[in-house]
Protein backbone atom coordinates (compact mmCIF):
# COMPACT_ATOMS: atom_id res chain seq x y z
CA MET A 1 -0.34 -0.17 0.12
CA LYS A 2 2.65 2.15 0.98
CA ILE A 3 4.61 1.66 -2.56
CA LYS A 4 1.65 2.56 -4.09
CA PHE A 5 1.25 5.36 -2.39
CA LEU A 6 4.31 6.75 -2.76
CA MET A 7 4.06 6.16 -7.01
CA LEU A 8 1.16 7.37 -6.94
CA LEU A 9 3.03 10.91 -5.39
CA ALA A 10 5.53 10.62 -7.59
CA GLY A 11 3.56 10.41 -10.36
CA LEU A 12 1.46 13.59 -9.50
CA LEU A 13 4.55 15.36 -8.92
CA LEU A 14 6.29 14.57 -11.78
CA PHE A 15 3.26 15.50 -13.81
CA SER A 16 2.37 18.55 -12.25
CA CYS A 17 5.15 20.70 -12.86
CA LYS A 18 4.04 22.19 -16.07
CA SER A 19 4.91 25.33 -16.47
CA PRO A 20 1.79 27.38 -17.00
CA GLU A 21 0.05 27.92 -20.78
CA ALA A 22 -1.56 31.15 -21.76
CA ARG A 23 -5.09 31.14 -22.48
CA ARG A 24 -6.30 31.75 -25.63
CA PRO A 25 -9.40 33.96 -26.07
CA VAL A 26 -12.79 32.68 -26.42
CA THR A 27 -13.68 34.85 -29.29
CA GLN A 28 -10.86 36.60 -31.48
CA LYS A 29 -12.20 40.31 -32.91
CA SER A 30 -10.90 41.26 -36.84
CA GLY A 31 -10.05 44.74 -37.16
CA SER A 32 -12.76 45.65 -38.85
CA TYR A 33 -14.09 48.10 -36.04
CA ILE A 34 -11.34 50.03 -36.44
CA ASN A 35 -11.11 50.10 -40.52
CA GLU A 36 -14.62 50.90 -40.29
CA ALA A 37 -14.17 53.75 -38.15
CA VAL A 38 -11.47 54.81 -40.02
CA GLU A 39 -13.05 55.12 -43.10
CA ARG A 40 -16.23 56.87 -41.41
CA ASN A 41 -13.77 59.78 -40.28
CA ARG A 42 -12.14 60.20 -43.84
CA ALA A 43 -15.65 60.21 -44.94
CA ILE A 44 -16.75 62.67 -42.41
CA VAL A 45 -13.04 65.08 -43.15
CA ALA A 46 -13.50 64.95 -47.09
CA GLU A 47 -17.49 65.91 -46.62
CA GLU A 48 -16.17 68.82 -44.20
CA GLU A 49 -13.54 70.19 -46.29
CA ALA A 50 -15.77 69.73 -49.27
CA ARG A 51 -18.02 72.34 -47.46
CA ILE A 52 -14.64 74.69 -46.66
CA GLN A 53 -13.63 74.74 -50.45
CA LYS A 54 -17.66 75.65 -51.27
CA ILE A 55 -17.18 78.68 -49.17
CA ILE A 56 -13.60 79.25 -50.00
CA GLU A 57 -14.84 79.14 -54.12
CA ASN A 58 -17.86 81.40 -53.76
CA ASP A 59 -16.01 83.74 -51.99
CA SER A 60 -14.09 85.65 -54.59
CA THR A 61 -13.11 89.25 -52.26
CA ARG A 62 -10.43 87.53 -50.11
CA GLU A 63 -7.45 85.55 -50.42
CA TYR A 64 -7.73 82.19 -48.68
CA ILE A 65 -4.66 80.64 -47.37
CA SER A 66 -4.08 77.23 -46.75
CA SER A 67 -2.47 75.95 -43.24
CA PRO A 68 -0.08 72.99 -43.39
CA ASN A 69 -2.25 72.52 -40.31
CA GLY A 70 -4.95 71.15 -42.18
CA PHE A 71 -7.14 74.47 -41.72
CA TRP A 72 -7.93 77.48 -44.17
CA TYR A 73 -7.43 81.46 -43.11
CA TYR A 74 -7.79 84.68 -44.63
CA TYR A 75 -6.49 87.89 -42.73
CA ASN A 76 -9.20 90.63 -42.07
CA THR A 77 -6.75 93.05 -40.31
CA LYS A 78 -2.79 92.43 -41.43
CA ASP A 79 0.68 94.12 -39.63
CA THR A 80 3.07 93.90 -42.88
CA THR A 81 5.60 95.48 -40.39
CA SER A 82 5.88 93.88 -37.61
CA THR A 83 7.56 89.68 -37.40
CA LYS A 84 7.00 89.06 -33.94
CA THR A 85 4.93 85.62 -33.93
CA PRO A 86 3.66 84.10 -30.41
CA GLU A 87 6.73 81.13 -29.34
CA PHE A 88 5.86 78.99 -26.88
CA GLY A 89 5.33 80.09 -23.33
CA ASP A 90 4.48 83.06 -24.48
CA VAL A 91 0.92 84.71 -23.29
CA VAL A 92 -1.04 85.69 -25.76
CA GLU A 93 -4.51 87.74 -25.21
CA PHE A 94 -6.82 87.22 -27.79
CA ASP A 95 -10.53 87.82 -28.66
CA TYR A 96 -12.42 85.42 -30.87
CA ASN A 97 -16.15 84.17 -31.54
CA ILE A 98 -17.39 80.91 -32.88
CA LYS A 99 -19.58 80.46 -36.23
CA SER A 100 -21.14 77.74 -38.00
CA LEU A 101 -19.59 77.18 -41.05
CA GLY A 102 -23.28 78.61 -42.44
CA GLY A 103 -21.96 81.52 -40.42
CA GLU A 104 -24.76 81.48 -37.30
CA ASN A 105 -23.21 82.38 -34.29
CA ILE A 106 -22.10 79.50 -31.57
CA TYR A 107 -20.39 82.13 -29.68
CA SER A 108 -20.14 85.59 -29.32
CA ASP A 109 -16.89 87.41 -28.86
CA GLU A 110 -19.35 88.72 -25.64
CA ASP A 111 -19.81 84.84 -24.71
CA ILE A 112 -16.20 84.37 -24.57
CA ALA A 113 -14.31 87.63 -23.50
CA PRO A 114 -10.79 88.27 -24.10
CA ARG A 115 -9.12 85.26 -22.79
CA THR A 116 -5.15 85.38 -21.93
CA TYR A 117 -3.11 82.10 -23.28
CA ALA A 118 0.22 80.87 -22.76
CA ILE A 119 1.40 79.12 -25.72
CA ASP A 120 1.70 75.61 -26.16
CA GLN A 121 1.41 75.74 -22.13
CA GLU A 122 -2.76 75.49 -21.57
CA GLU A 123 -5.97 73.67 -22.95
CA LEU A 124 -6.68 75.44 -26.28
CA PHE A 125 -8.51 73.70 -28.94
CA SER A 126 -5.72 72.51 -31.88
CA GLY A 127 -6.93 74.79 -34.57
CA LEU A 128 -7.23 77.98 -32.53
CA ARG A 129 -3.62 76.76 -30.73
CA GLN A 130 -1.86 76.33 -33.99
CA GLY A 131 -3.53 79.75 -35.58
CA LEU A 132 -2.38 81.84 -33.19
CA LYS A 133 1.19 80.91 -33.63
CA LEU A 134 0.69 82.43 -37.50
CA MET A 135 -0.73 85.65 -35.87
CA LYS A 136 0.91 89.08 -35.34
CA GLU A 137 -0.30 91.29 -32.49
CA GLY A 138 -2.84 93.43 -33.53
CA GLU A 139 -3.98 91.03 -36.16
CA THR A 140 -7.36 89.70 -36.84
CA VAL A 141 -7.82 86.40 -38.79
CA THR A 142 -10.83 84.67 -39.98
CA PHE A 143 -10.22 80.79 -39.69
CA LEU A 144 -12.22 77.89 -41.29
CA PHE A 145 -11.62 74.95 -39.07
CA PRO A 146 -12.77 71.36 -39.77
CA SER A 147 -14.38 69.44 -36.99
CA HIS A 148 -10.93 67.65 -36.29
CA LYS A 149 -9.42 70.76 -35.77
CA ALA A 150 -12.10 72.10 -33.68
CA PHE A 151 -13.52 70.15 -31.17
CA GLY A 152 -13.51 66.46 -32.89
CA TYR A 153 -15.75 64.05 -31.89
CA TYR A 154 -17.05 65.15 -28.82
CA GLY A 155 -18.08 68.51 -29.63
CA ASP A 156 -17.61 71.02 -26.44
CA LYS A 157 -20.36 69.24 -24.73
CA ASN A 158 -22.10 72.06 -24.70
CA ARG A 159 -23.44 74.34 -27.67
CA ILE A 160 -20.69 72.28 -30.04
CA GLY A 161 -22.73 68.90 -31.64
CA SER A 162 -20.44 66.41 -31.90
CA ASP A 163 -18.40 66.54 -36.42
CA VAL A 164 -19.13 70.80 -36.34
CA PRO A 165 -16.70 72.21 -38.54
CA VAL A 166 -16.44 76.04 -37.33
CA ILE A 167 -15.54 79.63 -38.41
CA SER A 168 -13.28 81.78 -35.56
CA THR A 169 -12.90 85.09 -36.03
CA VAL A 170 -9.46 86.16 -33.75
CA THR A 171 -7.69 89.18 -32.75
CA LEU A 172 -4.38 89.22 -31.01
CA ILE A 173 -4.86 92.06 -28.71
CA ASP A 174 -1.07 91.57 -27.50
CA ILE A 175 1.65 89.02 -26.76
CA SER A 176 3.92 88.97 -24.17
CA GLU A 177 7.43 87.26 -24.12
CA ALA A 178 7.64 84.06 -21.85
CA SER A 179 9.59 85.10 -18.47
CA GLU A 180 12.51 84.09 -18.06
CA PRO A 181 12.73 82.08 -13.98
CA GLU A 182 13.44 84.87 -11.76
CA GLN A 183 17.14 83.97 -9.80
CA GLU A 184 17.85 85.17 -6.25
CA ASN A 185 20.79 86.70 -5.10
CA ASN A 186 22.75 84.62 -2.78
CA ASN A 187 25.09 87.19 -1.85
C-alpha cells in the first residue's frame, strides 16, 4: 500500500510540474471595427473639407491661405511691418468668436470675452492653438476649421455638437514674452 501511495505521489509531482500556458480568448475579434471607424472618419473629413472648399470658391473677395496644419484662413487686418509671432510659453491676449459654416453665431466675442493663453502650455482646441502662432499683435484673422481641428467627435459638451466644423474670427490683442525664471541673489 505504501509503495502504491508513493508511486501515485511521485506521478502527481512529475506531471504537475508543468509551466503555465497562456489561455487563448474564446472569441477573436478582427480589426474590422477600427477599419470601419477610420473609413467613417475619412468620409467625415472629406465632406467637411468639400463644404469649406465650396465656401472658399464662392468668396472671391478674400485671399484664403491653406495652412499645413489642416485648416484655412484669411486676414481681416494684417500687420506687414511686425515680424514677431507668439512662441512657446509666450502669453497672448486675444478675442475670438465661433460660428457655424453657415455663419450662425455659436459663441460671440461677448460670450467668450478676451482671454489670455500661454502658448502650448494650456488647453485650447488644436486649430486655434496653431492659428494663434501664425498671427502678429494687432492682427485679425478668420479661420475655417474642420471638426478634427476644432472640437472633434465630442464637441464642447455645450453648444457645439459632434463633428461640427467652425469659423472663428480671432483678434490678437497682445503678446507678452515668456518670462525667465527669476534667479535669487545669494550674497
